[in-house]
């Protein structure tokens, strides 16, 4: 049976981390993170109303994502009981084995390895329970923390683009990652390559 991701794991400070599905009631918190310029995110996101975010969160279930039917699914990262960030996976409309990853860490939890650990847990879940095998991500060239997270997880640079920014065009780096099945694990025991 396919279940939403609700795994717990410990961070470097032995605090319990967990991923849980985002609910419509989380829309206001996600909107605040999206608007906060200090939030470490892969990309600046278009401003959306709380109602639009809540509608998006209620539109898909994790099971839909795992079966390749959901357009987008979002998880909340919890550190203890406190929300520490979010992760979203958006399926490619043509190929449900391809998806784009976006994430953000709240300012208070930046630089503590939380996102790397949360994404590792999510990748294991996607690999075992979904059709997703290729992930893409983008981040601004100045976002060194996000670059470190992606590269630590094995993402490879796939080129650069220019996106419109508040003060003119901004450079973004494209990354790609292929999730490997059990039979494709490398000699180091990695679950993706």
N, C-alpha and C. Protein backbone atom coordinates (compact mmCIF):
# COMPACT_ATOMS: atom_id res chain seq x y z
N UNK A 1 0.85 -1.19 0.00
CA UNK A 1 0.00 0.00 0.00
C UNK A 1 0.89 1.24 0.00
N UNK A 2 0.53 2.23 -0.79
CA UNK A 2 1.29 3.47 -0.86
C UNK A 2 0.80 4.43 0.22
N UNK A 3 1.73 4.94 0.99
CA UNK A 3 1.39 5.86 2.08
C UNK A 3 2.10 7.18 1.88
N UNK A 4 1.50 8.29 2.35
CA UNK A 4 2.21 9.57 2.31
C UNK A 4 3.48 9.47 3.13
N UNK A 5 4.46 10.22 2.72
CA UNK A 5 5.73 10.23 3.44
C UNK A 5 5.52 10.83 4.81
N UNK A 6 5.84 10.10 5.82
CA UNK A 6 5.77 10.59 7.20
C UNK A 6 6.88 9.91 7.98
N UNK A 7 8.08 9.96 7.46
CA UNK A 7 9.22 9.30 8.07
C UNK A 7 9.90 10.24 9.05
N UNK A 8 10.40 9.67 10.12
CA UNK A 8 11.17 10.44 11.08
C UNK A 8 12.63 10.02 10.99
N UNK A 9 13.53 10.94 11.23
CA UNK A 9 14.96 10.68 11.22
C UNK A 9 15.58 11.72 12.10
N UNK A 10 16.82 11.49 12.54
CA UNK A 10 17.49 12.43 13.45
C UNK A 10 18.47 13.28 12.69
N UNK A 11 18.58 14.55 13.08
CA UNK A 11 19.57 15.43 12.45
C UNK A 11 20.88 15.37 13.22
N UNK A 12 21.82 16.20 12.83
CA UNK A 12 23.15 16.17 13.44
C UNK A 12 23.12 16.55 14.92
N UNK A 13 22.08 17.20 15.36
CA UNK A 13 21.96 17.57 16.78
C UNK A 13 21.05 16.60 17.53
N UNK A 14 20.76 15.45 16.90
CA UNK A 14 19.88 14.42 17.45
C UNK A 14 18.47 14.92 17.72
N UNK A 15 18.05 15.92 16.99
CA UNK A 15 16.66 16.34 17.07
C UNK A 15 15.89 15.56 16.01
N UNK A 16 14.66 15.19 16.33
CA UNK A 16 13.86 14.40 15.41
C UNK A 16 13.36 15.30 14.27
N UNK A 17 13.62 14.84 13.05
CA UNK A 17 13.11 15.51 11.86
C UNK A 17 12.05 14.62 11.24
N UNK A 18 11.07 15.21 10.61
CA UNK A 18 10.03 14.43 9.93
C UNK A 18 9.54 15.20 8.72
N UNK A 19 9.06 14.45 7.77
CA UNK A 19 8.39 15.03 6.61
C UNK A 19 6.94 14.61 6.69
N UNK A 20 6.07 15.59 6.53
CA UNK A 20 4.64 15.27 6.50
C UNK A 20 4.03 16.00 5.32
N UNK A 21 2.92 15.48 4.81
CA UNK A 21 2.25 16.18 3.71
C UNK A 21 1.84 17.59 4.14
N UNK A 22 1.92 18.53 3.23
CA UNK A 22 1.43 19.89 3.51
C UNK A 22 -0.09 19.88 3.36
N UNK A 23 -0.76 20.57 4.25
CA UNK A 23 -2.22 20.64 4.23
C UNK A 23 -2.66 22.05 3.87
N UNK A 24 -3.90 22.23 3.45
CA UNK A 24 -4.38 23.58 3.14
C UNK A 24 -4.17 24.56 4.29
N UNK A 25 -4.22 24.09 5.52
CA UNK A 25 -4.00 25.00 6.67
C UNK A 25 -2.56 25.52 6.72
N UNK A 26 -1.64 24.92 5.97
CA UNK A 26 -0.25 25.37 5.92
C UNK A 26 -0.04 26.49 4.91
N UNK A 27 -1.07 26.85 4.16
CA UNK A 27 -0.93 27.82 3.07
C UNK A 27 -0.36 29.16 3.54
N UNK A 28 -0.83 29.68 4.65
CA UNK A 28 -0.36 30.97 5.14
C UNK A 28 1.13 30.91 5.49
N UNK A 29 1.57 29.82 6.11
CA UNK A 29 2.98 29.65 6.47
C UNK A 29 3.83 29.54 5.20
N UNK A 30 3.39 28.76 4.23
CA UNK A 30 4.14 28.62 2.98
C UNK A 30 4.20 29.95 2.25
N UNK A 31 3.10 30.69 2.25
CA UNK A 31 3.10 32.00 1.60
C UNK A 31 4.12 32.93 2.28
N UNK A 32 4.18 32.91 3.61
CA UNK A 32 5.14 33.76 4.33
C UNK A 32 6.57 33.37 3.96
N UNK A 33 6.86 32.06 3.87
CA UNK A 33 8.20 31.63 3.47
C UNK A 33 8.51 32.08 2.06
N UNK A 34 7.53 31.98 1.18
CA UNK A 34 7.76 32.36 -0.22
C UNK A 34 8.04 33.85 -0.35
N UNK A 35 7.43 34.65 0.51
CA UNK A 35 7.59 36.11 0.43
C UNK A 35 8.83 36.63 1.15
N UNK A 36 9.37 35.85 2.09
CA UNK A 36 10.49 36.29 2.90
C UNK A 36 11.78 36.24 2.08
N UNK A 37 12.37 37.39 1.82
CA UNK A 37 13.58 37.44 1.00
C UNK A 37 14.76 36.78 1.70
N UNK A 38 14.66 36.59 3.01
CA UNK A 38 15.75 35.95 3.75
C UNK A 38 15.66 34.43 3.70
N UNK A 39 14.53 33.89 3.26
CA UNK A 39 14.37 32.45 3.19
C UNK A 39 15.27 31.88 2.11
N UNK A 40 15.97 30.80 2.46
CA UNK A 40 16.84 30.14 1.49
C UNK A 40 15.98 29.22 0.64
N UNK A 41 15.79 29.59 -0.59
CA UNK A 41 14.96 28.82 -1.50
C UNK A 41 15.71 28.58 -2.80
N UNK A 42 15.31 27.57 -3.53
CA UNK A 42 15.98 27.29 -4.79
C UNK A 42 15.79 28.45 -5.76
N UNK A 43 14.59 28.98 -5.84
CA UNK A 43 14.29 30.12 -6.72
C UNK A 43 13.28 31.02 -6.06
N UNK A 44 13.29 32.30 -6.39
CA UNK A 44 12.23 33.18 -5.92
C UNK A 44 10.95 32.74 -6.60
N UNK A 45 9.88 32.71 -5.86
CA UNK A 45 8.64 32.19 -6.38
C UNK A 45 7.64 33.31 -6.63
N UNK A 46 6.78 33.10 -7.62
CA UNK A 46 5.76 34.09 -7.92
C UNK A 46 4.83 34.23 -6.73
N UNK A 47 4.43 35.46 -6.46
CA UNK A 47 3.54 35.73 -5.35
C UNK A 47 2.16 35.13 -5.65
N UNK A 48 1.65 34.39 -4.69
CA UNK A 48 0.34 33.78 -4.85
C UNK A 48 -0.45 34.00 -3.58
N UNK A 49 -1.75 34.06 -3.71
CA UNK A 49 -2.60 34.28 -2.54
C UNK A 49 -2.65 33.02 -1.68
N UNK A 50 -3.03 33.21 -0.42
CA UNK A 50 -3.19 32.08 0.49
C UNK A 50 -4.22 31.11 -0.06
N UNK A 51 -5.31 31.64 -0.64
CA UNK A 51 -6.36 30.77 -1.21
C UNK A 51 -5.81 29.92 -2.36
N UNK A 52 -4.99 30.52 -3.22
CA UNK A 52 -4.42 29.76 -4.34
C UNK A 52 -3.50 28.65 -3.84
N UNK A 53 -2.70 28.96 -2.84
CA UNK A 53 -1.80 27.96 -2.29
C UNK A 53 -2.60 26.85 -1.61
N UNK A 54 -3.62 27.22 -0.83
CA UNK A 54 -4.46 26.22 -0.16
C UNK A 54 -5.16 25.32 -1.17
N UNK A 55 -5.64 25.91 -2.25
CA UNK A 55 -6.32 25.13 -3.31
C UNK A 55 -5.34 24.14 -3.93
N UNK A 56 -4.12 24.60 -4.19
CA UNK A 56 -3.10 23.71 -4.75
C UNK A 56 -2.77 22.57 -3.80
N UNK A 57 -2.67 22.87 -2.50
CA UNK A 57 -2.34 21.85 -1.51
C UNK A 57 -3.45 20.81 -1.37
N UNK A 58 -4.69 21.23 -1.56
CA UNK A 58 -5.79 20.28 -1.42
C UNK A 58 -6.07 19.51 -2.70
N UNK A 59 -5.46 19.93 -3.81
CA UNK A 59 -5.76 19.31 -5.11
C UNK A 59 -5.11 17.95 -5.31
N UNK A 60 -4.01 17.67 -4.64
CA UNK A 60 -3.29 16.42 -4.89
C UNK A 60 -2.99 15.70 -3.58
N UNK A 61 -2.91 14.39 -3.68
CA UNK A 61 -2.51 13.58 -2.54
C UNK A 61 -1.19 12.91 -2.87
N UNK A 62 -0.50 12.45 -1.84
CA UNK A 62 0.77 11.76 -2.08
C UNK A 62 0.55 10.52 -2.93
N UNK A 63 -0.55 9.84 -2.73
CA UNK A 63 -0.83 8.65 -3.53
C UNK A 63 -0.95 9.01 -5.00
N UNK A 64 -1.58 10.15 -5.30
CA UNK A 64 -1.65 10.61 -6.70
C UNK A 64 -0.25 10.81 -7.26
N UNK A 65 0.62 11.42 -6.46
CA UNK A 65 2.00 11.64 -6.90
C UNK A 65 2.69 10.31 -7.17
N UNK A 66 2.56 9.39 -6.23
CA UNK A 66 3.22 8.10 -6.38
C UNK A 66 2.72 7.33 -7.60
N UNK A 67 1.46 7.53 -7.95
CA UNK A 67 0.89 6.85 -9.12
C UNK A 67 1.12 7.63 -10.41
N UNK A 68 1.69 8.82 -10.31
CA UNK A 68 1.97 9.62 -11.49
C UNK A 68 0.79 10.46 -11.96
N UNK A 69 -0.19 10.71 -11.06
CA UNK A 69 -1.38 11.46 -11.44
C UNK A 69 -1.39 12.90 -10.95
N UNK A 70 -0.59 13.23 -9.95
CA UNK A 70 -0.62 14.56 -9.36
C UNK A 70 0.30 15.50 -10.13
N UNK A 71 -0.11 16.73 -10.27
CA UNK A 71 0.76 17.71 -10.93
C UNK A 71 1.85 18.16 -9.96
N UNK A 72 1.50 18.31 -8.68
CA UNK A 72 2.45 18.81 -7.69
C UNK A 72 2.05 18.31 -6.31
N UNK A 73 3.05 18.00 -5.50
CA UNK A 73 2.78 17.62 -4.12
C UNK A 73 3.82 18.29 -3.24
N UNK A 74 3.40 18.73 -2.04
CA UNK A 74 4.27 19.49 -1.14
C UNK A 74 4.32 18.82 0.23
N UNK A 75 5.52 18.78 0.82
CA UNK A 75 5.73 18.28 2.17
C UNK A 75 6.25 19.41 3.04
N UNK A 76 5.97 19.30 4.34
CA UNK A 76 6.50 20.22 5.34
C UNK A 76 7.59 19.46 6.10
N UNK A 77 8.73 20.11 6.31
CA UNK A 77 9.81 19.53 7.12
C UNK A 77 9.57 20.00 8.55
N UNK A 78 9.50 19.05 9.47
CA UNK A 78 9.33 19.37 10.88
C UNK A 78 10.63 19.06 11.63
N UNK A 79 11.02 19.96 12.49
CA UNK A 79 12.13 19.71 13.41
C UNK A 79 11.51 19.73 14.78
N UNK A 80 11.34 18.55 15.34
CA UNK A 80 10.50 18.43 16.53
C UNK A 80 9.07 18.72 16.07
N UNK A 81 8.43 19.67 16.70
CA UNK A 81 7.09 20.08 16.27
C UNK A 81 7.10 21.34 15.41
N UNK A 82 8.30 21.93 15.23
CA UNK A 82 8.40 23.21 14.53
C UNK A 82 8.64 23.04 13.03
N UNK A 83 7.83 23.68 12.18
CA UNK A 83 8.10 23.64 10.75
C UNK A 83 9.44 24.31 10.44
N UNK A 84 10.27 23.61 9.65
CA UNK A 84 11.61 24.11 9.34
C UNK A 84 11.78 24.40 7.86
N UNK A 85 10.81 24.03 7.04
CA UNK A 85 10.91 24.26 5.60
C UNK A 85 9.88 23.46 4.84
N UNK A 86 9.98 23.52 3.53
CA UNK A 86 9.07 22.75 2.69
C UNK A 86 9.80 22.24 1.46
N UNK A 87 9.24 21.16 0.89
CA UNK A 87 9.74 20.56 -0.34
C UNK A 87 8.54 20.32 -1.24
N UNK A 88 8.67 20.67 -2.52
CA UNK A 88 7.61 20.39 -3.49
C UNK A 88 8.20 19.63 -4.67
N UNK A 89 7.44 18.68 -5.17
CA UNK A 89 7.80 17.92 -6.36
C UNK A 89 6.68 18.13 -7.37
N UNK A 90 7.04 18.64 -8.55
CA UNK A 90 6.08 18.89 -9.63
C UNK A 90 6.38 17.92 -10.76
N UNK A 91 5.40 17.07 -11.07
CA UNK A 91 5.59 16.10 -12.14
C UNK A 91 5.56 16.77 -13.49
N UNK A 92 6.36 16.24 -14.41
CA UNK A 92 6.35 16.67 -15.80
C UNK A 92 4.99 16.26 -16.39
N UNK A 93 4.34 17.16 -17.12
CA UNK A 93 3.01 16.87 -17.65
C UNK A 93 3.02 15.79 -18.73
N UNK A 94 4.15 15.56 -19.36
CA UNK A 94 4.25 14.55 -20.42
C UNK A 94 4.81 13.23 -19.90
N UNK A 95 5.83 13.30 -19.05
CA UNK A 95 6.51 12.10 -18.57
C UNK A 95 6.49 12.06 -17.05
N UNK A 96 5.64 11.21 -16.43
CA UNK A 96 5.54 11.17 -14.96
C UNK A 96 6.79 10.61 -14.28
N UNK A 97 7.78 10.16 -15.06
CA UNK A 97 9.04 9.73 -14.45
C UNK A 97 9.97 10.91 -14.23
N UNK A 98 9.60 12.08 -14.76
CA UNK A 98 10.41 13.29 -14.60
C UNK A 98 9.66 14.27 -13.70
N UNK A 99 10.41 14.96 -12.86
CA UNK A 99 9.79 15.92 -11.94
C UNK A 99 10.77 17.04 -11.64
N UNK A 100 10.21 18.19 -11.25
CA UNK A 100 11.05 19.31 -10.82
C UNK A 100 10.91 19.46 -9.31
N UNK A 101 12.04 19.70 -8.68
CA UNK A 101 12.13 19.81 -7.24
C UNK A 101 12.26 21.28 -6.86
N UNK A 102 11.53 21.71 -5.86
CA UNK A 102 11.74 23.04 -5.28
C UNK A 102 11.67 22.89 -3.76
N UNK A 103 12.35 23.76 -3.06
CA UNK A 103 12.38 23.65 -1.60
C UNK A 103 12.80 24.98 -0.99
N UNK A 104 12.51 25.10 0.29
CA UNK A 104 12.94 26.28 1.04
C UNK A 104 13.13 25.88 2.49
N UNK A 105 14.11 26.49 3.11
CA UNK A 105 14.38 26.31 4.53
C UNK A 105 14.09 27.63 5.23
N UNK A 106 13.44 27.56 6.38
CA UNK A 106 13.20 28.80 7.11
C UNK A 106 14.54 29.34 7.60
N UNK A 107 14.61 30.64 7.73
CA UNK A 107 15.86 31.32 8.10
C UNK A 107 16.49 30.74 9.36
N UNK A 108 15.65 30.44 10.33
CA UNK A 108 16.12 29.93 11.63
C UNK A 108 16.84 28.58 11.50
N UNK A 109 16.51 27.82 10.46
CA UNK A 109 17.05 26.47 10.32
C UNK A 109 18.07 26.33 9.20
N UNK A 110 18.49 27.45 8.62
CA UNK A 110 19.47 27.40 7.53
C UNK A 110 20.83 26.95 8.03
N UNK A 111 21.58 26.29 7.13
CA UNK A 111 22.96 25.93 7.41
C UNK A 111 23.14 24.83 8.43
N UNK A 112 22.09 24.06 8.71
CA UNK A 112 22.17 23.01 9.72
C UNK A 112 22.05 21.61 9.12
N UNK A 113 22.03 21.50 7.80
CA UNK A 113 21.96 20.19 7.16
C UNK A 113 20.57 19.58 7.10
N UNK A 114 19.57 20.34 7.52
CA UNK A 114 18.22 19.81 7.55
C UNK A 114 17.71 19.47 6.15
N UNK A 115 17.93 20.36 5.19
CA UNK A 115 17.40 20.12 3.85
C UNK A 115 18.05 18.89 3.20
N UNK A 116 19.34 18.74 3.37
CA UNK A 116 20.02 17.56 2.80
C UNK A 116 19.42 16.28 3.36
N UNK A 117 19.19 16.24 4.66
CA UNK A 117 18.62 15.05 5.29
C UNK A 117 17.17 14.82 4.86
N UNK A 118 16.41 15.90 4.77
CA UNK A 118 15.00 15.77 4.37
C UNK A 118 14.89 15.29 2.92
N UNK A 119 15.72 15.84 2.04
CA UNK A 119 15.69 15.42 0.64
C UNK A 119 16.16 13.97 0.50
N UNK A 120 17.14 13.55 1.28
CA UNK A 120 17.58 12.16 1.25
C UNK A 120 16.43 11.23 1.59
N UNK A 121 15.68 11.56 2.65
CA UNK A 121 14.53 10.73 3.04
C UNK A 121 13.46 10.74 1.94
N UNK A 122 13.23 11.90 1.35
CA UNK A 122 12.23 12.00 0.29
C UNK A 122 12.65 11.18 -0.93
N UNK A 123 13.92 11.26 -1.32
CA UNK A 123 14.39 10.50 -2.48
C UNK A 123 14.20 9.00 -2.27
N UNK A 124 14.48 8.52 -1.06
CA UNK A 124 14.26 7.10 -0.77
C UNK A 124 12.80 6.73 -0.95
N UNK A 125 11.92 7.62 -0.47
CA UNK A 125 10.48 7.36 -0.59
C UNK A 125 10.05 7.38 -2.06
N UNK A 126 10.51 8.38 -2.81
CA UNK A 126 10.15 8.46 -4.23
C UNK A 126 10.66 7.24 -4.98
N UNK A 127 11.86 6.81 -4.66
CA UNK A 127 12.45 5.67 -5.35
C UNK A 127 11.66 4.40 -5.09
N UNK A 128 11.20 4.21 -3.87
CA UNK A 128 10.50 2.98 -3.55
C UNK A 128 9.02 3.02 -3.90
N UNK A 129 8.39 4.19 -3.88
CA UNK A 129 6.93 4.24 -4.01
C UNK A 129 6.40 5.00 -5.21
N UNK A 130 7.25 5.57 -6.05
CA UNK A 130 6.73 6.38 -7.16
C UNK A 130 7.37 5.97 -8.47
N UNK A 131 6.90 6.57 -9.53
CA UNK A 131 7.46 6.35 -10.87
C UNK A 131 8.58 7.35 -11.17
N UNK A 132 8.78 8.34 -10.28
CA UNK A 132 9.77 9.39 -10.54
C UNK A 132 11.17 8.78 -10.56
N UNK A 133 11.90 9.05 -11.64
CA UNK A 133 13.28 8.57 -11.77
C UNK A 133 14.24 9.68 -12.16
N UNK A 134 13.73 10.82 -12.63
CA UNK A 134 14.60 11.95 -12.98
C UNK A 134 14.09 13.20 -12.31
N UNK A 135 14.99 13.89 -11.62
CA UNK A 135 14.63 15.13 -10.94
C UNK A 135 15.44 16.28 -11.53
N UNK A 136 14.80 17.40 -11.67
CA UNK A 136 15.46 18.63 -12.10
C UNK A 136 15.29 19.66 -11.00
N UNK A 137 16.25 20.54 -10.87
CA UNK A 137 16.16 21.63 -9.90
C UNK A 137 16.90 22.82 -10.50
N UNK A 138 16.53 24.02 -10.06
CA UNK A 138 17.21 25.24 -10.49
C UNK A 138 17.45 26.10 -9.26
N UNK A 139 18.56 26.82 -9.27
CA UNK A 139 18.80 27.79 -8.20
C UNK A 139 19.63 28.93 -8.73
N UNK A 140 19.52 30.07 -8.09
CA UNK A 140 20.29 31.24 -8.49
C UNK A 140 21.78 31.00 -8.24
N UNK A 141 22.61 31.57 -9.08
CA UNK A 141 24.06 31.36 -8.97
C UNK A 141 24.61 31.89 -7.64
N UNK A 142 23.95 32.87 -7.03
CA UNK A 142 24.41 33.42 -5.76
C UNK A 142 23.96 32.59 -4.56
N UNK A 143 23.08 31.62 -4.76
CA UNK A 143 22.54 30.84 -3.64
C UNK A 143 23.47 29.66 -3.32
N UNK A 144 24.58 29.97 -2.66
CA UNK A 144 25.60 28.96 -2.41
C UNK A 144 25.11 27.82 -1.53
N UNK A 145 24.22 28.09 -0.60
CA UNK A 145 23.70 27.01 0.26
C UNK A 145 22.90 26.01 -0.56
N UNK A 146 22.06 26.50 -1.43
CA UNK A 146 21.27 25.60 -2.26
C UNK A 146 22.16 24.82 -3.23
N UNK A 147 23.16 25.48 -3.77
CA UNK A 147 24.11 24.81 -4.66
C UNK A 147 24.79 23.67 -3.91
N UNK A 148 25.22 23.92 -2.67
CA UNK A 148 25.88 22.87 -1.87
C UNK A 148 24.94 21.70 -1.61
N UNK A 149 23.68 22.00 -1.28
CA UNK A 149 22.71 20.92 -1.04
C UNK A 149 22.56 20.05 -2.28
N UNK A 150 22.33 20.68 -3.42
CA UNK A 150 22.12 19.91 -4.66
C UNK A 150 23.35 19.08 -5.02
N UNK A 151 24.51 19.68 -4.92
CA UNK A 151 25.73 18.95 -5.29
C UNK A 151 26.06 17.85 -4.29
N UNK A 152 25.77 18.08 -3.01
CA UNK A 152 25.99 17.05 -1.99
C UNK A 152 25.12 15.82 -2.26
N UNK A 153 23.93 16.06 -2.80
CA UNK A 153 22.99 14.98 -3.09
C UNK A 153 23.26 14.30 -4.42
N UNK A 154 24.25 14.78 -5.16
CA UNK A 154 24.61 14.12 -6.41
C UNK A 154 24.03 14.74 -7.66
N UNK A 155 23.35 15.88 -7.54
CA UNK A 155 22.84 16.56 -8.73
C UNK A 155 24.02 17.03 -9.58
N UNK A 156 23.88 16.94 -10.89
CA UNK A 156 24.92 17.40 -11.81
C UNK A 156 24.44 18.68 -12.49
N UNK A 157 25.35 19.62 -12.68
CA UNK A 157 25.02 20.85 -13.40
C UNK A 157 24.64 20.51 -14.83
N UNK A 158 23.57 21.16 -15.27
CA UNK A 158 23.04 20.87 -16.60
C UNK A 158 23.01 22.12 -17.47
N UNK A 159 23.60 23.21 -16.99
CA UNK A 159 23.63 24.45 -17.75
C UNK A 159 23.15 25.63 -16.94
N UNK A 160 23.09 26.79 -17.58
CA UNK A 160 22.62 28.01 -16.93
C UNK A 160 21.60 28.70 -17.81
N UNK A 161 20.70 29.42 -17.15
CA UNK A 161 19.68 30.22 -17.82
C UNK A 161 19.65 31.59 -17.18
N UNK A 162 18.90 32.46 -17.78
CA UNK A 162 18.67 33.79 -17.23
C UNK A 162 17.17 33.94 -16.98
N UNK A 163 16.81 34.37 -15.78
CA UNK A 163 15.40 34.61 -15.44
C UNK A 163 15.22 36.07 -15.06
N UNK A 164 14.04 36.62 -15.33
CA UNK A 164 13.80 38.01 -14.94
C UNK A 164 13.84 38.15 -13.42
N UNK A 165 14.52 39.16 -12.93
CA UNK A 165 14.58 39.42 -11.50
C UNK A 165 14.09 40.83 -11.21
N UNK A 166 13.98 41.14 -9.93
CA UNK A 166 13.50 42.45 -9.52
C UNK A 166 14.40 43.57 -10.03
N UNK A 167 15.70 43.31 -10.13
CA UNK A 167 16.67 44.32 -10.57
C UNK A 167 17.30 43.95 -11.91
N UNK A 168 16.57 43.23 -12.73
CA UNK A 168 17.11 42.81 -14.02
C UNK A 168 17.29 41.31 -14.08
N UNK A 169 17.83 40.81 -15.17
CA UNK A 169 17.99 39.36 -15.32
C UNK A 169 18.93 38.77 -14.27
N UNK A 170 18.59 37.57 -13.80
CA UNK A 170 19.43 36.86 -12.84
C UNK A 170 19.79 35.50 -13.41
N UNK A 171 21.00 35.06 -13.16
CA UNK A 171 21.47 33.77 -13.65
C UNK A 171 21.03 32.65 -12.72
N UNK A 172 20.56 31.56 -13.32
CA UNK A 172 20.19 30.36 -12.56
C UNK A 172 20.95 29.17 -13.13
N UNK A 173 21.26 28.25 -12.24
CA UNK A 173 21.93 27.01 -12.63
C UNK A 173 20.87 25.92 -12.70
N UNK A 174 20.89 25.15 -13.80
CA UNK A 174 20.01 23.98 -13.92
C UNK A 174 20.78 22.75 -13.44
N UNK A 175 20.09 21.91 -12.68
CA UNK A 175 20.68 20.67 -12.18
C UNK A 175 19.78 19.49 -12.55
N UNK A 176 20.38 18.31 -12.65
CA UNK A 176 19.63 17.09 -12.91
C UNK A 176 20.15 15.95 -12.06
N UNK A 177 19.26 15.01 -11.74
CA UNK A 177 19.61 13.85 -10.95
C UNK A 177 18.75 12.68 -11.42
N UNK A 178 19.37 11.52 -11.57
CA UNK A 178 18.64 10.31 -11.90
C UNK A 178 18.59 9.44 -10.66
N UNK A 179 17.38 9.04 -10.25
CA UNK A 179 17.23 8.12 -9.13
C UNK A 179 17.48 6.72 -9.65
N UNK A 180 18.25 5.93 -8.91
CA UNK A 180 18.59 4.58 -9.34
C UNK A 180 17.77 3.56 -8.56
N UNK A 181 17.38 2.49 -9.23
CA UNK A 181 16.68 1.40 -8.56
C UNK A 181 17.68 0.56 -7.77
N UNK A 182 17.19 -0.38 -6.98
CA UNK A 182 18.06 -1.23 -6.18
C UNK A 182 19.14 -1.90 -7.02
N UNK A 183 18.80 -2.34 -8.21
CA UNK A 183 19.77 -3.05 -9.04
C UNK A 183 20.80 -2.11 -9.64
N UNK A 184 20.57 -0.81 -9.58
CA UNK A 184 21.50 0.16 -10.13
C UNK A 184 22.38 0.82 -9.09
N UNK A 185 22.27 0.40 -7.85
CA UNK A 185 23.08 1.01 -6.79
C UNK A 185 24.56 0.87 -7.10
N UNK A 186 25.30 1.92 -6.78
CA UNK A 186 26.74 1.84 -7.03
C UNK A 186 27.45 1.15 -5.87
N UNK A 187 28.70 0.98 -6.00
CA UNK A 187 29.47 0.23 -5.00
C UNK A 187 29.48 0.92 -3.64
N UNK A 188 29.17 2.21 -3.60
CA UNK A 188 29.13 2.94 -2.33
C UNK A 188 27.79 2.78 -1.63
N UNK A 189 26.83 2.13 -2.28
CA UNK A 189 25.51 1.94 -1.69
C UNK A 189 24.59 3.12 -1.90
N UNK A 190 24.96 4.04 -2.81
CA UNK A 190 24.11 5.20 -3.06
C UNK A 190 22.77 4.75 -3.64
N UNK A 191 21.70 5.45 -3.32
CA UNK A 191 20.40 5.05 -3.85
C UNK A 191 20.04 5.85 -5.08
N UNK A 192 20.85 6.81 -5.43
CA UNK A 192 20.65 7.56 -6.67
C UNK A 192 22.00 7.88 -7.24
N UNK A 193 22.01 8.27 -8.49
CA UNK A 193 23.29 8.66 -9.10
C UNK A 193 23.15 9.98 -9.76
